[in-house]
Amino acid sequence: MNRREYIKQTAFFLGYAVSATTIAEMMLSCKTQANLDWKPVFFDNNQANLIAEIAETILPKSKTPGAKELGVPQFIDKMLKLTSDETGQQDIIKGLEGFEKSCSDKYGKEFAELDAVQRKEFLIEQDKVSPAFPISMWGIMLDPNPKPVTFYRRIKSMVLMGYYSSEKIGEQVLAYAPVPGQYKGCIPYKGQNTWSE
């Protein structure tokens, strides 16, 4: 083999190796990773972005802060990492995939790509088809045949918990005096509505 032929063959194999690697990388990451201004500890970026969009659709910014502004997606991400066992975490990931599949089947695109009206419509539909949490009291199941809790119902409950237990909502929105507390019947009302102080 002469020198020219050798260089030609080497370039061919090198090019093939680079192309194969590039193609493999493209196949592994066929979706562009969502840009977040926080680093998830449980979800990957796309999953975290989906959770953020669901949370913001459930509790959008209005006169009060939205779910994203209060860090509800970060709360859910951290809560699942620290409090769920492996089975629970896998159920959430499977539920997330099923949620996206249902959305793609209905609209031909993912939830994050839908407009605000479609997102709301899809979540209302999910709420209607998701059974309520089984009735329980003090950790004892009162429903003899409980229906399984759906992904949407779980995520919605975490969104509401994260939102309403946040410091900002407690101080600026809710009017609740935690018990135990002193009863002071003759205090003039000056618009105060904080419960976290």
C-alpha atoms as a PDB file:
ATOM      1  CA  MET A   1       0.000   0.000   0.000  1.00  0.00           C
ATOM      2  CA  ASN A   2       1.442   3.382  -0.943  1.00  0.00           C
ATOM      3  CA  ARG A   3       1.417   6.423   1.321  1.00  0.00           C
ATOM      4  CA  ARG A   4      -1.470   8.156  -0.457  1.00  0.00           C
ATOM      5  CA  GLU A   5      -3.683   5.067  -0.172  1.00  0.00           C
ATOM      6  CA  TYR A   6      -2.761   4.646   3.507  1.00  0.00           C
ATOM      7  CA  ILE A   7      -3.759   8.266   4.338  1.00  0.00           C
ATOM      8  CA  LYS A   8      -6.985   7.842   2.406  1.00  0.00           C
ATOM      9  CA  GLN A   9      -7.889   4.648   4.314  1.00  0.00           C
ATOM     10  CA  THR A  10      -6.958   6.188   7.685  1.00  0.00           C
ATOM     11  CA  ALA A  11      -9.075   9.268   6.992  1.00  0.00           C
ATOM     12  CA  PHE A  12     -11.971   7.020   5.991  1.00  0.00           C
ATOM     13  CA  PHE A  13     -11.813   5.003   9.240  1.00  0.00           C
ATOM     14  CA  LEU A  14     -11.254   8.087  11.386  1.00  0.00           C
ATOM     15  CA  GLY A  15     -14.201   9.805   9.729  1.00  0.00           C
ATOM     16  CA  TYR A  16     -16.339   6.711  10.237  1.00  0.00           C
ATOM     17  CA  ALA A  17     -15.410   6.550  13.937  1.00  0.00           C
ATOM     18  CA  VAL A  18     -16.214  10.224  14.472  1.00  0.00           C
ATOM     19  CA  SER A  19     -19.490   9.905  12.586  1.00  0.00           C
ATOM     20  CA  ALA A  20     -20.516   6.799  14.516  1.00  0.00           C
ATOM     21  CA  THR A  21     -19.787   8.538  17.825  1.00  0.00           C
ATOM     22  CA  THR A  22     -21.634  11.658  16.748  1.00  0.00           C
ATOM     23  CA  ILE A  23     -24.621   9.643  15.576  1.00  0.00           C
ATOM     24  CA  ALA A  24     -24.665   7.657  18.826  1.00  0.00           C
ATOM     25  CA  GLU A  25     -24.628  10.895  20.856  1.00  0.00           C
ATOM     26  CA  MET A  26     -27.418  12.307  18.734  1.00  0.00           C
ATOM     27  CA  MET A  27     -29.507   9.187  19.268  1.00  0.00           C
ATOM     28  CA  LEU A  28     -28.970   9.314  23.036  1.00  0.00           C
ATOM     29  CA  SER A  29     -29.914  12.961  23.244  1.00  0.00           C
ATOM     30  CA  CYS A  30     -32.458  13.344  20.477  1.00  0.00           C
ATOM     31  CA  LYS A  31     -34.261  15.986  22.534  1.00  0.00           C
ATOM     32  CA  THR A  32     -32.614  19.276  23.339  1.00  0.00           C
ATOM     33  CA  GLN A  33     -32.030  19.603  27.060  1.00  0.00           C
ATOM     34  CA  ALA A  34     -34.225  22.241  28.667  1.00  0.00           C
ATOM     35  CA  ASN A  35     -32.418  25.225  30.134  1.00  0.00           C
ATOM     36  CA  LEU A  36     -33.155  25.665  33.818  1.00  0.00           C
ATOM     37  CA  ASP A  37     -31.892  28.294  36.235  1.00  0.00           C
ATOM     38  CA  TRP A  38     -31.563  25.584  38.918  1.00  0.00           C
ATOM     39  CA  LYS A  39     -29.967  22.142  39.063  1.00  0.00           C
ATOM     40  CA  PRO A  40     -32.363  19.228  39.675  1.00  0.00           C
ATOM     41  CA  VAL A  41     -31.313  16.522  42.145  1.00  0.00           C
ATOM     42  CA  PHE A  42     -33.862  13.869  41.110  1.00  0.00           C
ATOM     43  CA  PHE A  43     -35.204  14.691  37.639  1.00  0.00           C
ATOM     44  CA  ASP A  44     -33.173  15.325  34.502  1.00  0.00           C
ATOM     45  CA  ASN A  45     -33.515  18.811  32.979  1.00  0.00           C
ATOM     46  CA  ASN A  46     -36.377  17.909  30.616  1.00  0.00           C
ATOM     47  CA  GLN A  47     -38.345  16.156  33.348  1.00  0.00           C
ATOM     48  CA  ALA A  48     -37.770  19.066  35.741  1.00  0.00           C
ATOM     49  CA  ASN A  49     -38.913  21.493  33.053  1.00  0.00           C
ATOM     50  CA  LEU A  50     -42.086  19.448  32.521  1.00  0.00           C
ATOM     51  CA  ILE A  51     -42.817  19.476  36.266  1.00  0.00           C
ATOM     52  CA  ALA A  52     -42.230  23.253  36.294  1.00  0.00           C
ATOM     53  CA  GLU A  53     -44.664  23.786  33.408  1.00  0.00           C
ATOM     54  CA  ILE A  54     -47.322  21.578  35.039  1.00  0.00           C
ATOM     55  CA  ALA A  55     -46.897  23.446  38.346  1.00  0.00           C
ATOM     56  CA  GLU A  56     -47.109  26.847  36.681  1.00  0.00           C
ATOM     57  CA  THR A  57     -50.237  25.807  34.757  1.00  0.00           C
ATOM     58  CA  ILE A  58     -51.908  24.657  37.979  1.00  0.00           C
ATOM     59  CA  LEU A  59     -50.869  27.803  39.893  1.00  0.00           C
ATOM     60  CA  PRO A  60     -49.958  30.569  37.419  1.00  0.00           C
ATOM     61  CA  LYS A  61     -48.704  34.002  38.374  1.00  0.00           C
ATOM     62  CA  SER A  62     -51.537  36.463  38.970  1.00  0.00           C
ATOM     63  CA  LYS A  63     -51.905  38.942  41.832  1.00  0.00           C
ATOM     64  CA  THR A  64     -50.088  36.282  43.816  1.00  0.00           C
ATOM     65  CA  PRO A  65     -46.783  34.664  42.803  1.00  0.00           C
ATOM     66  CA  GLY A  66     -46.814  31.648  40.474  1.00  0.00           C
ATOM     67  CA  ALA A  67     -45.499  28.194  41.312  1.00  0.00           C
ATOM     68  CA  LYS A  68     -42.198  28.754  39.474  1.00  0.00           C
ATOM     69  CA  GLU A  69     -41.555  32.044  41.255  1.00  0.00           C
ATOM     70  CA  LEU A  70     -41.939  30.324  44.634  1.00  0.00           C
ATOM     71  CA  GLY A  71     -39.622  27.423  43.728  1.00  0.00           C
ATOM     72  CA  VAL A  72     -42.354  24.759  43.766  1.00  0.00           C
ATOM     73  CA  PRO A  73     -40.630  22.648  41.042  1.00  0.00           C
ATOM     74  CA  GLN A  74     -37.431  22.637  43.137  1.00  0.00           C
ATOM     75  CA  PHE A  75     -39.489  21.623  46.190  1.00  0.00           C
ATOM     76  CA  ILE A  76     -41.034  18.671  44.298  1.00  0.00           C
ATOM     77  CA  ASP A  77     -37.657  17.612  42.886  1.00  0.00           C
ATOM     78  CA  LYS A  78     -36.004  17.645  46.303  1.00  0.00           C
ATOM     79  CA  MET A  79     -38.970  16.061  48.064  1.00  0.00           C
ATOM     80  CA  LEU A  80     -39.005  13.095  45.658  1.00  0.00           C
ATOM     81  CA  LYS A  81     -35.251  12.640  46.028  1.00  0.00           C
ATOM     82  CA  LEU A  82     -35.271  12.725  49.840  1.00  0.00           C
ATOM     83  CA  THR A  83     -38.598  11.160  50.831  1.00  0.00           C
ATOM     84  CA  SER A  84     -39.542   8.612  48.147  1.00  0.00           C
ATOM     85  CA  ASP A  85     -38.257   5.076  48.050  1.00  0.00           C
ATOM     86  CA  GLU A  86     -36.940   3.599  44.802  1.00  0.00           C
ATOM     87  CA  THR A  87     -40.329   2.131  43.844  1.00  0.00           C
ATOM     88  CA  GLY A  88     -42.066   5.470  44.403  1.00  0.00           C
ATOM     89  CA  GLN A  89     -39.426   7.282  42.361  1.00  0.00           C
ATOM     90  CA  GLN A  90     -39.777   4.803  39.486  1.00  0.00           C
ATOM     91  CA  ASP A  91     -43.569   5.193  39.602  1.00  0.00           C
ATOM     92  CA  ILE A  92     -43.194   8.967  39.246  1.00  0.00           C
ATOM     93  CA  ILE A  93     -40.838   8.624  36.263  1.00  0.00           C
ATOM     94  CA  LYS A  94     -43.192   6.115  34.580  1.00  0.00           C
ATOM     95  CA  GLY A  95     -46.096   8.432  35.319  1.00  0.00           C
ATOM     96  CA  LEU A  96     -44.217  11.350  33.799  1.00  0.00           C
ATOM     97  CA  GLU A  97     -43.595   9.328  30.632  1.00  0.00           C
ATOM     98  CA  GLY A  98     -47.254   8.253  30.502  1.00  0.00           C
ATOM     99  CA  PHE A  99     -48.364  11.864  30.981  1.00  0.00           C
ATOM    100  CA  GLU A 100     -46.205  13.003  28.054  1.00  0.00           C
ATOM    101  CA  LYS A 101     -47.436  10.121  25.886  1.00  0.00           C
ATOM    102  CA  SER A 102     -51.082  11.022  26.586  1.00  0.00           C
ATOM    103  CA  CYS A 103     -50.330  14.624  25.708  1.00  0.00           C
ATOM    104  CA  SER A 104     -48.531  13.634  22.484  1.00  0.00           C
ATOM    105  CA  ASP A 105     -51.372  11.281  21.515  1.00  0.00           C
ATOM    106  CA  LYS A 106     -53.935  14.049  21.968  1.00  0.00           C
ATOM    107  CA  TYR A 107     -52.092  17.081  20.554  1.00  0.00           C
ATOM    108  CA  GLY A 108     -49.176  15.642  18.591  1.00  0.00           C
ATOM    109  CA  LYS A 109     -46.682  17.510  20.767  1.00  0.00           C
ATOM    110  CA  GLU A 110     -45.288  17.550  24.281  1.00  0.00           C
ATOM    111  CA  PHE A 111     -46.879  19.442  27.173  1.00  0.00           C
ATOM    112  CA  ALA A 112     -44.191  22.164  27.244  1.00  0.00           C
ATOM    113  CA  GLU A 113     -44.909  22.909  23.557  1.00  0.00           C
ATOM    114  CA  LEU A 114     -48.650  23.466  24.078  1.00  0.00           C
ATOM    115  CA  ASP A 115     -50.150  26.928  24.340  1.00  0.00           C
ATOM    116  CA  ALA A 116     -51.749  28.081  27.601  1.00  0.00           C
ATOM    117  CA  VAL A 117     -55.310  27.104  26.565  1.00  0.00           C
ATOM    118  CA  GLN A 118     -54.270  23.576  25.523  1.00  0.00           C
ATOM    119  CA  ARG A 119     -52.274  23.096  28.738  1.00  0.00           C
ATOM    120  CA  LYS A 120     -55.231  24.106  30.872  1.00  0.00           C
ATOM    121  CA  GLU A 121     -57.596  21.930  28.843  1.00  0.00           C
ATOM    122  CA  PHE A 122     -55.282  18.918  29.147  1.00  0.00           C
ATOM    123  CA  LEU A 123     -54.847  19.310  32.921  1.00  0.00           C
ATOM    124  CA  ILE A 124     -58.604  19.688  33.439  1.00  0.00           C
ATOM    125  CA  GLU A 125     -59.076  16.448  31.506  1.00  0.00           C
ATOM    126  CA  GLN A 126     -56.389  14.734  33.627  1.00  0.00           C
ATOM    127  CA  ASP A 127     -58.116  15.977  36.776  1.00  0.00           C
ATOM    128  CA  LYS A 128     -61.457  14.521  35.649  1.00  0.00           C
ATOM    129  CA  VAL A 129     -60.064  11.064  34.849  1.00  0.00           C
ATOM    130  CA  SER A 130     -57.870  10.842  37.965  1.00  0.00           C
ATOM    131  CA  PRO A 131     -59.685   9.337  40.961  1.00  0.00           C
ATOM    132  CA  ALA A 132     -59.478  11.223  44.252  1.00  0.00           C
ATOM    133  CA  PHE A 133     -57.095  10.087  46.966  1.00  0.00           C
ATOM    134  CA  PRO A 134     -58.457   7.111  48.920  1.00  0.00           C
ATOM    135  CA  ILE A 135     -60.202   8.060  52.163  1.00  0.00           C
ATOM    136  CA  SER A 136     -57.979   7.527  55.182  1.00  0.00           C
ATOM    137  CA  MET A 137     -57.751   8.717  58.744  1.00  0.00           C
ATOM    138  CA  TRP A 138     -54.570   8.775  60.841  1.00  0.00           C
ATOM    139  CA  GLY A 139     -52.846   6.596  58.278  1.00  0.00           C
ATOM    140  CA  ILE A 140     -55.614   3.967  58.289  1.00  0.00           C
ATOM    141  CA  MET A 141     -57.205   3.266  54.907  1.00  0.00           C
ATOM    142  CA  LEU A 142     -61.002   3.564  55.218  1.00  0.00           C
ATOM    143  CA  ASP A 143     -61.753   2.677  51.609  1.00  0.00           C
ATOM    144  CA  PRO A 144     -61.865  -1.138  51.266  1.00  0.00           C
ATOM    145  CA  ASN A 145     -61.099  -1.020  47.512  1.00  0.00           C
ATOM    146  CA  PRO A 146     -58.949   2.053  46.902  1.00  0.00           C
ATOM    147  CA  LYS A 147     -58.186   3.054  43.329  1.00  0.00           C
ATOM    148  CA  PRO A 148     -54.506   3.614  42.566  1.00  0.00           C
ATOM    149  CA  VAL A 149     -53.344   7.206  42.843  1.00  0.00           C
ATOM    150  CA  THR A 150     -52.460   8.574  39.401  1.00  0.00           C
ATOM    151  CA  PHE A 151     -49.343  10.514  38.484  1.00  0.00           C
ATOM    152  CA  TYR A 152     -51.326  13.697  37.920  1.00  0.00           C
ATOM    153  CA  ARG A 153     -53.060  13.488  41.308  1.00  0.00           C
ATOM    154  CA  ARG A 154     -49.692  12.987  43.068  1.00  0.00           C
ATOM    155  CA  ILE A 155     -47.994  15.858  41.284  1.00  0.00           C
ATOM    156  CA  LYS A 156     -50.949  18.188  41.833  1.00  0.00           C
ATOM    157  CA  SER A 157     -50.932  17.442  45.568  1.00  0.00           C
ATOM    158  CA  MET A 158     -47.176  18.156  45.733  1.00  0.00           C
ATOM    159  CA  VAL A 159     -47.649  21.401  43.798  1.00  0.00           C
ATOM    160  CA  LEU A 160     -50.335  22.547  46.244  1.00  0.00           C
ATOM    161  CA  MET A 161     -48.308  21.471  49.278  1.00  0.00           C
ATOM    162  CA  GLY A 162     -45.181  23.268  48.038  1.00  0.00           C
ATOM    163  CA  TYR A 163     -47.125  26.397  47.169  1.00  0.00           C
ATOM    164  CA  TYR A 164     -49.235  26.772  50.302  1.00  0.00           C
ATOM    165  CA  SER A 165     -46.440  25.849  52.696  1.00  0.00           C
ATOM    166  CA  SER A 166     -44.039  28.406  51.190  1.00  0.00           C
ATOM    167  CA  GLU A 167     -42.940  31.285  53.389  1.00  0.00           C
ATOM    168  CA  LYS A 168     -44.004  33.990  50.948  1.00  0.00           C
ATOM    169  CA  ILE A 169     -47.583  32.694  50.640  1.00  0.00           C
ATOM    170  CA  GLY A 170     -47.749  32.222  54.414  1.00  0.00           C
ATOM    171  CA  GLU A 171     -46.628  35.772  55.088  1.00  0.00           C
ATOM    172  CA  GLN A 172     -48.334  37.657  52.281  1.00  0.00           C
ATOM    173  CA  VAL A 173     -51.448  35.723  51.282  1.00  0.00           C
ATOM    174  CA  LEU A 174     -52.813  33.376  53.949  1.00  0.00           C
ATOM    175  CA  ALA A 175     -54.566  34.613  57.068  1.00  0.00           C
ATOM    176  CA  TYR A 176     -54.056  31.852  59.566  1.00  0.00           C
ATOM    177  CA  ALA A 177     -53.006  31.918  63.194  1.00  0.00           C
ATOM    178  CA  PRO A 178     -51.375  28.590  64.053  1.00  0.00           C
ATOM    179  CA  VAL A 179     -52.486  26.743  67.165  1.00  0.00           C
ATOM    180  CA  PRO A 180     -51.471  26.876  69.957  1.00  0.00           C
ATOM    181  CA  GLY A 181     -51.630  30.614  70.206  1.00  0.00           C
ATOM    182  CA  GLN A 182     -52.956  33.292  72.491  1.00  0.00           C
ATOM    183  CA  TYR A 183     -56.454  34.605  72.040  1.00  0.00           C
ATOM    184  CA  LYS A 184     -56.469  38.374  71.790  1.00  0.00           C
ATOM    185  CA  GLY A 185     -60.013  39.476  71.118  1.00  0.00           C
ATOM    186  CA  CYS A 186     -59.537  43.249  71.043  1.00  0.00           C
ATOM    187  CA  ILE A 187     -56.852  43.842  68.448  1.00  0.00           C
ATOM    188  CA  PRO A 188     -57.671  46.414  65.774  1.00  0.00           C
ATOM    189  CA  TYR A 189     -57.564  44.964  62.273  1.00  0.00           C
ATOM    190  CA  LYS A 190     -55.002  46.748  60.111  1.00  0.00           C
ATOM    191  CA  GLY A 191     -55.028  44.421  57.108  1.00  0.00           C
ATOM    192  CA  GLN A 192     -52.551  41.989  58.654  1.00  0.00           C
ATOM    193  CA  ASN A 193     -52.732  38.477  57.275  1.00  0.00           C
ATOM    194  CA  THR A 194     -49.490  36.770  58.232  1.00  0.00           C
ATOM    195  CA  TRP A 195     -49.326  33.431  59.943  1.00  0.00           C
ATOM    196  CA  SER A 196     -45.631  32.574  59.775  1.00  0.00           C
ATOM    197  CA  GLU A 197     -44.376  35.138  62.273  1.00  0.00           C
END
